[in-house]
Structure formats: C-alpha cells, structure tokens
Amino acid sequence: MTQPSLPESAPVRGPATVTVFASSASWIESDALAQCHQVAALDGMTHVAAMPDLHPGKGAPVGAAMASSVLYPFLVGSDIGCGIAVFPIALKRAVPEKLAARFPDLDRALHPERDAGDPAWAVMEGGVPAGHTEGLGTVGRGNHFVELARIGAVFEPGHASRLGVAAGDLVLVVHSGSRGLGERILRAHTEVHGAGPAPDPGAYLAAHDDAVRWGSLNRRLMAARVAHALGAEPAEPIVDQCHNLVEIRDGLYLHRKGAAPGDGRDVLIAGTRGTPSYLVAGHAGPDACHSVAHGAGRKMSRADALRRGRAKHTVEELRRTPVGSLVVCGDRQLLFEEAPTAYKRIEQVIADLVEHDLATPVATTVPLVTYKTPDLGSTPRQDRRGHRRGRGRP
C-alpha cells in the first residue's frame, strides 16, 4: 500500500509540545525528531512524547505517542492492533535445537472450515472480529516474531510473583498485529483522505477496535499453535498490550505508533533476537502521554542492515545468537534485516525509561528459539501441506 506523507505544513490551533524521553547516551536520528515536530504542527495536536526507541517511520515517527483533538488514522498506521503478549508455558526440557524443529508453520493460516479440528481454536471466545478470517494464526513479516524464552534476571520478585513467573520459568512471547485487516482499514481512509483526519471518528474507531481485538485473538491463536506443537497446554497471557492504536483520554485522541500503554500496566519491551527483552511495570504520566517504549528501536534502515549484514555476517552466524538461542527464519533477506546489530541497545532504552521515571524493570526474558518464518527443511511434515495454499498475507 502506498503510504501518504504528512503535510509539510498544516494550520495550528495552539502550540504543541514535543518531549523526548532519552538521555544524552542514546542515539536519536535527526529524521525521527524532524518527524515529531512535523506531527506537532498538525491541526489540533497538543503534545508529542517520543520514547527512547524512536526512529523514522513512513511519514510519521515510530516510538511516539501523540495527543490531539483531531483523530489522524495515519498516525496509527496500517498494523492497527500490533502488540506483544507473554504466555507461560510448561515444558519438561527446553533444548533449543530440538524445539526449533517442532515449531509449526506460522505462515500457514488457520481456516475455520479446513482446520476446524485444530485444537488451537479452543482459545477463541465468540466470533472472529469483523469476520476477517484471512491470515488467522499467522505471524507476518517485519519485526514480528514468536519466541520461546526463559525468565532471566528478576529485579522485582514481588511483582514477578504477582505475574506468576520466577527465574528459570519458560514463556512464549508473541509479537504480531492485525495482518491484512488493519491495512484494509487504513487504505479505505487514505484512498480518500490521504494523511488527513478521520471525517467520522466514530466509524474509524469502530473498525479500529475490531482490528485491536483481532490482533489480540491472533496472538492467542499463535501461542496455542506453538504450545500444542511443543507438547504443552496453552495458557492465558500474563501480558498482552497493543502498541499501535488510538484511544480517547482526557478528552483527546491519544495515538500510539510503536509506543505501549504505560499507565499502570505491565509491558514486555522487546529486545533483539540476540539480547534479553524486559518485562516492566509502566507508570508514565501525562508528559509521556501515559506511554512507554515498545522495543529496542531500529538504528539502521532495512536496506542498510541488509548491506552491512551481508558484509559482516553469514546466514549461519545469524541463526545462532550471542545468547546461544536459535533463529528459525527461512527468509535470508529478513534474517539480515532483523539482525541484532540493526537495533539500538535495549539496556539503554530501559535505562532511559527508568531515568525518566516511566517504568520499573520487573524481569528479563532470554531467547531460546525465535521464530520469524518457516524453515521448510525442518518444518513438521503435517504443516508443510498446503503451505502455499494457506499462506497468510505478509
């Protein structure tokens, strides 16, 4: 889908403020800052809060929360409902080499009729939001992933206990969004209105809320598919927060694009395939638009990561990470684009959140197996059947 650019200038009803929650030790790209100020100039905008994982997006920044009296669908983007969920999983032994080969093909969509007997459907309550059955149970591309991880360092034992996790426990981390549904919703708007505001905010929000619910359902379906494939019982998520959405708060539209709700909720802030991620307790206030970072944030474009990665790494080097985990990814280009070196240091992102009193680290999750796309050489045979026929939309 063609992404429209934000207007170079727009009428301003009042001065909008921009606050960047990053320390001098953090690298923030100038193009990303320019995008924040460009957003601040939009009609009705009151405040832009930039997180330490801020980086340039397609016309609007990623890693920002933006409050306005006007609803701008383009500031949420096409992957409405994208978020990260964490599910406990009980396995007798966690040997990455053996478990990596047992992951199901999460490019192959579940079809309500063809796959009616799949046990993953048991996690679904009610119908499919918006009746959108395309791509159910698929992970998508880009920075989306499903990861088997182990709870590492625990910084707040009491809080971790309330979440039901302790050091050494295993969890599934699922990062994905609304697949083709969110894209369809944004396209319906941009084909008529471009990057302009929603003429009927209520109609947009109704469709948007369906996409948010769809994304959460899809994360549950994927976690259930993986749990069954690994010989475990699916569990309810202990964390499931969306970081691409808009909500009404204090009489304003609060847009989040790559920013997680930080108003008293628990959030998993994703590191990279070769570093820990962090479970944090968010306690961000209005200056931060009640938001926290959603991940490490890119420091290289995909083109740069591909070019530099090919000169520095082999495919096999990227399939075994510095923490000893395995990456399942049959798409070699994506493997380079998503290399750990393409991202900022997650430790610095977390330190910035702590320094600005936006979040408290609870525990780390250390990757064991990170699934990106199927490696058909090791995909279970029953999941190879119909791989092309049942493939979800990228």
Protein backbone atom coordinates (compact mmCIF):
# COMPACT_ATOMS: atom_id res chain seq x y z
CA MET A 1 0.00 0.00 0.00
CA THR A 2 1.30 3.45 -0.89
CA GLN A 3 1.96 5.44 2.26
CA PRO A 4 0.97 9.11 2.04
CA SER A 5 3.26 11.66 3.62
CA LEU A 6 2.16 14.04 6.32
CA PRO A 7 1.60 17.58 5.06
CA GLU A 8 4.65 19.82 5.15
CA SER A 9 2.58 22.40 6.99
CA ALA A 10 -0.87 22.50 8.50
CA PRO A 11 -2.93 25.03 10.40
CA VAL A 12 -2.15 25.00 14.10
CA ARG A 13 -4.74 25.84 16.72
CA GLY A 14 -2.20 26.15 19.50
CA PRO A 15 1.43 25.41 20.26
CA ALA A 16 2.05 21.66 20.50
CA THR A 17 4.94 20.47 22.66
CA VAL A 18 7.48 17.75 21.87
CA THR A 19 9.27 15.88 24.67
CA VAL A 20 11.96 13.28 24.01
CA PHE A 21 12.43 10.78 26.83
CA ALA A 22 16.00 9.82 26.02
CA SER A 23 19.32 10.59 27.66
CA SER A 24 22.44 12.04 26.08
CA ALA A 25 23.79 8.49 25.89
CA SER A 26 21.01 7.49 23.50
CA TRP A 27 21.25 7.96 19.77
CA ILE A 28 18.15 9.52 18.25
CA GLU A 29 18.10 10.00 14.48
CA SER A 30 17.54 13.58 13.34
CA ASP A 31 14.96 12.46 10.78
CA ALA A 32 12.88 10.95 13.58
CA LEU A 33 13.00 14.20 15.55
CA ALA A 34 12.00 16.11 12.43
CA GLN A 35 9.00 13.83 12.01
CA CYS A 36 7.97 14.50 15.62
CA HIS A 37 7.98 18.25 15.01
CA GLN A 38 6.15 17.75 11.74
CA VAL A 39 3.43 15.86 13.62
CA ALA A 40 3.36 18.59 16.29
CA ALA A 41 2.42 21.09 13.57
CA LEU A 42 -0.75 19.21 12.64
CA ASP A 43 -4.12 20.79 13.29
CA GLY A 44 -5.32 20.03 16.81
CA MET A 45 -2.09 18.46 18.07
CA THR A 46 -1.29 19.25 21.70
CA HIS A 47 1.68 17.06 22.66
CA VAL A 48 4.12 14.54 21.19
CA ALA A 49 6.02 12.20 23.52
CA ALA A 50 9.00 10.48 21.91
CA MET A 51 10.29 7.30 23.51
CA PRO A 52 13.98 6.26 23.63
CA ASP A 53 13.35 3.70 20.87
CA LEU A 54 12.25 6.50 18.50
CA HIS A 55 13.14 6.04 14.83
CA PRO A 56 11.81 7.34 11.50
CA GLY A 57 8.70 5.76 10.06
CA LYS A 58 6.91 6.06 6.73
CA GLY A 59 5.88 9.69 7.10
CA ALA A 60 5.37 9.58 10.86
CA PRO A 61 7.70 8.54 13.70
CA VAL A 62 7.77 5.09 15.28
CA GLY A 63 8.20 5.07 19.04
CA ALA A 64 5.95 8.03 19.80
CA ALA A 65 2.65 8.83 21.48
CA MET A 66 0.73 11.80 20.09
CA ALA A 67 -2.23 13.61 21.70
CA SER A 68 -4.62 15.66 19.58
CA SER A 69 -8.16 16.96 19.46
CA VAL A 70 -8.26 15.56 15.90
CA LEU A 71 -8.10 11.84 15.02
CA TYR A 72 -5.44 11.00 12.41
CA PRO A 73 -5.62 7.35 11.24
CA PHE A 74 -2.24 7.69 9.53
CA LEU A 75 -0.53 8.25 12.89
CA VAL A 76 -1.61 4.76 13.97
CA GLY A 77 -0.62 3.22 10.66
CA SER A 78 -1.68 0.05 8.89
CA ASP A 79 -0.81 -2.50 11.56
CA ILE A 80 -3.60 -1.48 13.93
CA GLY A 81 -3.62 -3.70 17.00
CA CYS A 82 0.02 -4.74 16.79
CA GLY A 83 1.25 -5.69 20.23
CA ILE A 84 3.20 -8.12 22.37
CA ALA A 85 1.76 -10.86 24.57
CA VAL A 86 3.52 -13.15 27.05
CA PHE A 87 2.22 -16.65 27.79
CA PRO A 88 3.56 -19.06 30.43
CA ILE A 89 4.45 -22.48 29.01
CA ALA A 90 5.43 -25.65 30.87
CA LEU A 91 7.96 -27.93 29.18
CA LYS A 92 9.93 -30.76 30.76
CA ARG A 93 13.10 -29.91 28.85
CA ALA A 94 13.97 -26.88 26.78
CA VAL A 95 16.63 -27.89 24.27
CA PRO A 96 16.61 -25.17 21.57
CA GLU A 97 17.87 -27.43 18.78
CA LYS A 98 15.05 -29.94 19.32
CA LEU A 99 12.28 -27.41 19.94
CA ALA A 100 13.17 -25.21 16.94
CA ALA A 101 12.36 -28.09 14.59
CA ARG A 102 8.94 -28.57 16.21
CA PHE A 103 7.59 -25.06 15.68
CA PRO A 104 4.54 -25.10 13.38
CA ASP A 105 4.41 -23.21 10.09
CA LEU A 106 3.06 -19.83 11.19
CA ASP A 107 2.89 -18.61 7.60
CA ARG A 108 0.13 -21.14 7.01
CA ALA A 109 -3.16 -19.60 8.08
CA LEU A 110 -5.79 -21.47 10.05
CA HIS A 111 -9.05 -21.72 8.15
CA PRO A 112 -12.24 -22.10 10.22
CA GLU A 113 -13.57 -24.83 7.90
CA ARG A 114 -10.48 -26.59 6.58
CA ASP A 115 -8.81 -26.63 10.02
CA ALA A 116 -11.94 -26.96 12.14
CA GLY A 117 -10.35 -29.74 14.18
CA ASP A 118 -7.24 -27.80 15.15
CA PRO A 119 -7.07 -27.63 18.97
CA ALA A 120 -5.83 -24.01 18.87
CA TRP A 121 -9.40 -22.85 18.20
CA ALA A 122 -10.24 -23.65 21.83
CA VAL A 123 -8.74 -20.32 22.92
CA MET A 124 -11.24 -18.35 20.83
CA GLU A 125 -14.25 -16.93 22.62
CA GLY A 126 -17.03 -15.66 20.38
CA GLY A 127 -16.58 -14.97 16.69
CA VAL A 128 -13.73 -13.56 14.64
CA PRO A 129 -13.69 -9.73 14.88
CA ALA A 130 -15.01 -8.10 11.69
CA GLY A 131 -15.45 -11.61 10.27
CA HIS A 132 -11.86 -11.32 8.98
CA THR A 133 -10.75 -14.94 8.62
CA GLU A 134 -7.79 -14.25 6.33
CA GLY A 135 -4.39 -14.76 7.93
CA LEU A 136 -5.60 -16.16 11.25
CA GLY A 137 -2.81 -17.76 13.24
CA THR A 138 0.00 -16.24 11.16
CA VAL A 139 2.86 -14.10 12.39
CA GLY A 140 3.57 -11.80 9.42
CA ARG A 141 6.86 -10.24 8.41
CA GLY A 142 8.99 -7.29 9.50
CA ASN A 143 9.88 -7.32 13.19
CA HIS A 144 7.08 -9.73 14.15
CA PHE A 145 8.09 -12.95 15.88
CA VAL A 146 7.12 -15.77 18.21
CA GLU A 147 9.76 -16.61 20.78
CA LEU A 148 10.31 -19.30 23.36
CA ALA A 149 12.23 -17.63 26.18
CA ARG A 150 13.36 -18.23 29.73
CA ILE A 151 12.83 -15.78 32.59
CA GLY A 152 16.31 -14.50 33.41
CA ALA A 153 17.12 -11.83 35.97
CA VAL A 154 14.29 -10.90 38.33
CA PHE A 155 14.51 -7.33 39.65
CA GLU A 156 11.17 -7.13 41.46
CA PRO A 157 10.37 -10.58 42.97
CA GLY A 158 7.06 -9.47 44.45
CA HIS A 159 5.81 -8.10 41.15
CA ALA A 160 7.09 -11.12 39.24
CA SER A 161 5.25 -13.36 41.69
CA ARG A 162 2.02 -11.48 41.06
CA LEU A 163 2.53 -12.10 37.34
CA GLY A 164 3.11 -15.77 38.14
CA VAL A 165 6.70 -16.04 36.92
CA ALA A 166 10.05 -16.76 38.53
CA ALA A 167 13.63 -17.08 37.33
CA GLY A 168 14.02 -20.10 35.07
CA ASP A 169 10.37 -20.28 34.01
CA LEU A 170 9.58 -20.60 30.32
CA VAL A 171 7.34 -18.20 28.40
CA LEU A 172 6.16 -17.65 24.85
CA VAL A 173 6.49 -14.07 23.59
CA VAL A 174 4.26 -13.25 20.62
CA HIS A 175 4.64 -10.01 18.64
CA SER A 176 2.16 -9.51 15.82
CA GLY A 177 -0.75 -7.35 14.69
CA SER A 178 -3.93 -7.36 12.67
CA ARG A 179 -2.36 -8.52 9.40
CA GLY A 180 -4.48 -7.55 6.39
CA LEU A 181 -7.37 -6.16 8.43
CA GLY A 182 -5.55 -3.06 9.68
CA GLU A 183 -4.12 -2.42 6.23
CA ARG A 184 -7.61 -2.59 4.75
CA ILE A 185 -8.93 -0.09 7.31
CA LEU A 186 -6.13 2.42 6.69
CA ARG A 187 -6.36 2.06 2.91
CA ALA A 188 -10.10 2.83 2.99
CA HIS A 189 -9.23 6.11 4.71
CA THR A 190 -6.09 7.15 2.84
CA GLU A 191 -7.51 6.49 -0.63
CA VAL A 192 -10.00 9.29 0.04
CA HIS A 193 -8.42 11.49 2.72
CA GLY A 194 -4.68 10.81 2.48
CA ALA A 195 -2.93 11.74 5.73
CA GLY A 196 -5.82 13.96 6.76
CA PRO A 197 -8.10 13.46 9.77
CA ALA A 198 -10.94 10.98 10.03
CA PRO A 199 -14.15 12.71 8.90
CA ASP A 200 -16.18 10.29 11.05
CA PRO A 201 -14.07 9.38 14.10
CA GLY A 202 -16.74 7.05 15.45
CA ALA A 203 -16.79 4.94 12.30
CA TYR A 204 -13.00 4.72 12.22
CA LEU A 205 -12.84 3.79 15.92
CA ALA A 206 -15.39 1.01 15.46
CA ALA A 207 -13.29 -0.57 12.70
CA HIS A 208 -10.08 0.16 14.64
CA ASP A 209 -11.40 -1.60 17.76
CA ASP A 210 -12.19 -4.69 15.69
CA ALA A 211 -8.58 -4.73 14.48
CA VAL A 212 -7.27 -4.38 18.04
CA ARG A 213 -9.40 -7.33 19.15
CA TRP A 214 -8.33 -9.30 16.07
CA GLY A 215 -4.66 -8.75 16.86
CA SER A 216 -5.10 -9.99 20.42
CA LEU A 217 -7.01 -13.07 19.23
CA ASN A 218 -4.33 -13.80 16.67
CA ARG A 219 -1.59 -13.68 19.32
CA ARG A 220 -3.57 -16.20 21.40
CA LEU A 221 -4.07 -18.49 18.41
CA MET A 222 -0.36 -18.48 17.59
CA ALA A 223 0.62 -19.16 21.20
CA ALA A 224 -1.82 -22.07 21.27
CA ARG A 225 -0.49 -23.47 17.99
CA VAL A 226 3.08 -23.37 19.29
CA ALA A 227 2.17 -24.77 22.70
CA HIS A 228 0.42 -27.77 21.15
CA ALA A 229 3.32 -28.33 18.73
CA LEU A 230 5.78 -28.36 21.64
CA GLY A 231 3.65 -30.74 23.69
CA ALA A 232 2.30 -28.22 26.19
CA GLU A 233 -1.11 -26.90 27.16
CA PRO A 234 -1.99 -23.33 26.08
CA ALA A 235 -2.21 -20.75 28.86
CA GLU A 236 -3.77 -17.34 29.29
CA PRO A 237 -1.39 -14.40 28.67
CA ILE A 238 0.09 -12.65 31.69
CA VAL A 239 0.76 -9.59 29.49
CA ASP A 240 -0.94 -8.51 26.27
CA GLN A 241 -0.51 -4.86 25.35
CA CYS A 242 -1.08 -3.22 22.00
CA HIS A 243 1.38 -0.53 20.83
CA ASN A 244 -0.32 0.63 17.59
CA LEU A 245 -3.68 2.15 18.47
CA VAL A 246 -5.63 5.27 19.32
CA GLU A 247 -7.72 5.80 22.45
CA ILE A 248 -9.73 8.66 23.87
CA ARG A 249 -8.11 10.01 27.01
CA ASP A 250 -8.74 13.28 28.86
CA GLY A 251 -10.94 14.45 26.00
CA LEU A 252 -8.19 13.95 23.38
CA TYR A 253 -7.28 11.29 20.85
CA LEU A 254 -4.11 9.60 22.07
CA HIS A 255 -2.35 7.99 19.10
CA ARG A 256 0.35 5.42 19.78
CA LYS A 257 2.69 4.28 17.00
CA GLY A 258 5.24 1.89 18.43
CA ALA A 259 4.53 3.05 21.99
CA ALA A 260 2.98 0.82 24.65
CA PRO A 261 0.47 1.89 27.30
CA GLY A 262 2.45 2.83 30.39
CA ASP A 263 -0.34 3.85 32.75
CA GLY A 264 -0.01 1.21 35.46
CA ARG A 265 0.09 -1.75 33.08
CA ASP A 266 2.72 -4.45 32.63
CA VAL A 267 4.51 -4.41 29.28
CA LEU A 268 7.07 -6.60 27.53
CA ILE A 269 9.60 -4.32 25.84
CA ALA A 270 11.25 -6.39 23.13
CA GLY A 271 14.99 -6.53 22.76
CA THR A 272 16.50 -8.26 19.73
CA ARG A 273 16.96 -11.87 18.72
CA GLY A 274 20.34 -11.82 20.44
CA THR A 275 19.55 -9.89 23.63
CA PRO A 276 17.07 -10.14 26.51
CA SER A 277 13.70 -8.43 26.49
CA TYR A 278 12.31 -6.70 29.59
CA LEU A 279 9.08 -7.11 31.48
CA VAL A 280 8.40 -3.72 33.05
CA ALA A 281 5.74 -2.09 35.19
CA GLY A 282 4.73 1.12 33.46
CA HIS A 283 3.90 4.25 35.45
CA ALA A 284 4.18 7.00 32.86
CA GLY A 285 2.30 10.26 33.34
CA PRO A 286 0.73 12.83 31.02
CA ASP A 287 4.09 14.32 29.92
CA ALA A 288 4.85 10.93 28.34
CA CYS A 289 1.28 10.57 27.06
CA HIS A 290 0.94 7.71 29.57
CA SER A 291 3.23 5.59 27.36
CA VAL A 292 6.49 3.66 27.37
CA ALA A 293 8.80 2.26 24.68
CA HIS A 294 7.77 -0.88 22.81
CA GLY A 295 11.19 -2.26 21.89
CA ALA A 296 14.83 -1.58 21.19
CA GLY A 297 14.07 0.57 18.13
CA ARG A 298 15.87 0.37 14.82
CA LYS A 299 19.19 2.16 14.34
CA MET A 300 19.60 1.01 10.73
CA SER A 301 17.17 1.04 7.86
CA ARG A 302 16.37 -2.35 6.41
CA ALA A 303 18.47 -1.57 3.33
CA ASP A 304 21.48 -0.60 5.47
CA ALA A 305 21.08 -3.63 7.72
CA LEU A 306 20.98 -5.90 4.65
CA ARG A 307 24.03 -4.30 3.05
CA ARG A 308 26.15 -4.15 6.21
CA GLY A 309 25.00 -7.52 7.47
CA ARG A 310 25.96 -9.35 4.30
CA ALA A 311 29.43 -7.86 4.53
CA LYS A 312 29.84 -8.78 8.19
CA HIS A 313 27.87 -11.96 8.89
CA THR A 314 27.00 -15.30 7.34
CA VAL A 315 23.49 -16.74 7.43
CA GLU A 316 24.59 -19.43 9.87
CA GLU A 317 26.10 -16.82 12.21
CA LEU A 318 22.76 -15.04 12.39
CA ARG A 319 20.86 -18.24 13.08
CA ARG A 320 22.81 -18.73 16.33
CA THR A 321 22.70 -15.61 18.51
CA PRO A 322 25.16 -14.23 21.09
CA VAL A 323 22.97 -15.58 23.92
CA GLY A 324 23.04 -19.08 22.43
CA SER A 325 19.50 -19.04 21.07
CA LEU A 326 18.36 -20.21 17.65
CA VAL A 327 16.54 -18.17 15.00
CA VAL A 328 14.09 -20.00 12.72
CA CYS A 329 13.92 -17.93 9.53
CA GLY A 330 13.72 -19.29 6.02
CA ASP A 331 13.83 -15.78 4.53
CA ARG A 332 17.52 -14.92 4.27
CA GLN A 333 16.94 -11.26 3.49
CA LEU A 334 14.74 -10.88 6.56
CA LEU A 335 17.40 -12.58 8.67
CA PHE A 336 19.87 -9.82 7.81
CA GLU A 337 17.30 -7.02 8.07
CA GLU A 338 16.38 -8.17 11.58
CA ALA A 339 19.90 -8.85 12.82
CA PRO A 340 20.57 -7.71 16.41
CA THR A 341 23.07 -5.13 15.15
CA ALA A 342 20.26 -3.35 13.26
CA TYR A 343 18.74 -2.29 16.59
CA LYS A 344 19.62 0.01 19.45
CA ARG A 345 20.85 -1.35 22.78
CA ILE A 346 17.80 -2.47 24.75
CA GLU A 347 19.68 -1.84 28.01
CA GLN A 348 19.96 1.87 27.14
CA VAL A 349 16.28 2.09 26.24
CA ILE A 350 15.33 0.60 29.61
CA ALA A 351 17.81 2.85 31.44
CA ASP A 352 16.20 5.91 29.81
CA LEU A 353 12.73 4.81 30.90
CA VAL A 354 14.00 4.34 34.46
CA GLU A 355 15.83 7.68 34.44
CA HIS A 356 12.64 9.48 33.39
CA ASP A 357 10.54 7.50 35.91
CA LEU A 358 8.34 5.96 33.22
CA ALA A 359 8.79 2.29 34.12
CA THR A 360 10.30 -0.14 36.61
CA PRO A 361 12.03 -3.29 35.29
CA VAL A 362 10.49 -6.47 36.69
CA ALA A 363 12.39 -9.28 34.91
CA THR A 364 14.20 -10.18 31.71
CA THR A 365 13.24 -12.83 29.17
CA VAL A 366 16.18 -14.52 27.45
CA PRO A 367 15.55 -16.04 23.99
CA LEU A 368 15.87 -19.78 23.40
CA VAL A 369 14.15 -20.05 19.99
CA THR A 370 12.94 -17.10 17.94
CA TYR A 371 10.59 -17.91 15.08
CA LYS A 372 10.38 -15.49 12.14
CA THR A 373 9.40 -17.54 9.07
CA PRO A 374 9.32 -21.28 8.46
CA ASP A 375 12.50 -23.08 7.53
CA LEU A 376 10.80 -25.66 5.32
CA GLY A 377 13.70 -28.03 5.71
CA SER A 378 12.77 -28.52 9.35
CA THR A 379 9.05 -27.70 9.39
CA PRO A 380 6.92 -30.64 10.61
CA ARG A 381 5.51 -32.51 7.61
CA GLN A 382 1.88 -32.03 8.58
CA ASP A 383 2.42 -28.28 8.49
CA ARG A 384 4.12 -28.28 5.10
CA ARG A 385 0.95 -29.49 3.38
CA GLY A 386 -0.85 -26.55 1.86
CA HIS A 387 1.93 -24.14 2.87
CA ARG A 388 1.43 -22.05 -0.24
CA ARG A 389 -2.31 -22.58 -0.39
CA GLY A 390 -2.94 -21.49 3.20
CA ARG A 391 -0.37 -18.76 3.44
CA GLY A 392 -1.43 -15.58 5.23
CA ARG A 393 -0.83 -12.13 3.82
CA PRO A 394 2.61 -10.64 4.50
